[in-house]
Amino acid sequence: MERSSTGWNTWTGEQYRAAKEWTKMPHIIVKLWPGKSKQQKARLSEAIAKDVMNVLNYGEESVSVAIKEVEPEDRVEKVYKPDIQNKWEKLYKKTGL
């Protein structure tokens, strides 16, 4: 969307549909070690999405799942520091518990 001298231009239908996709929640990101097959990732994504839909009463159109592979040597910088360290109150499932 652009700003014109008279205000904001209206979105095209395609832009509106794309914006609707951007606003869908929840979006779950799973970070895991490399080496799992595409089939395993697809099965995991489907299982997570199904449980999210059942527990939170969302429709399939609202849930998305992404998988990011993280090398073991990158775990501290790409997982622990940004997602875990100093965020204990946000961890609803802690490792080994």
Foldseek 3Di string as FASTA:
>chain_A
DDADPVGDDDDDPVVVVVVVLVPADDEEEAEEAPDDDPVVVVVVFVVVLVVCCVVVVDDSSRYHYHYHHDHPVCCCVPPCVPPNPPPPVVDPDDPPD
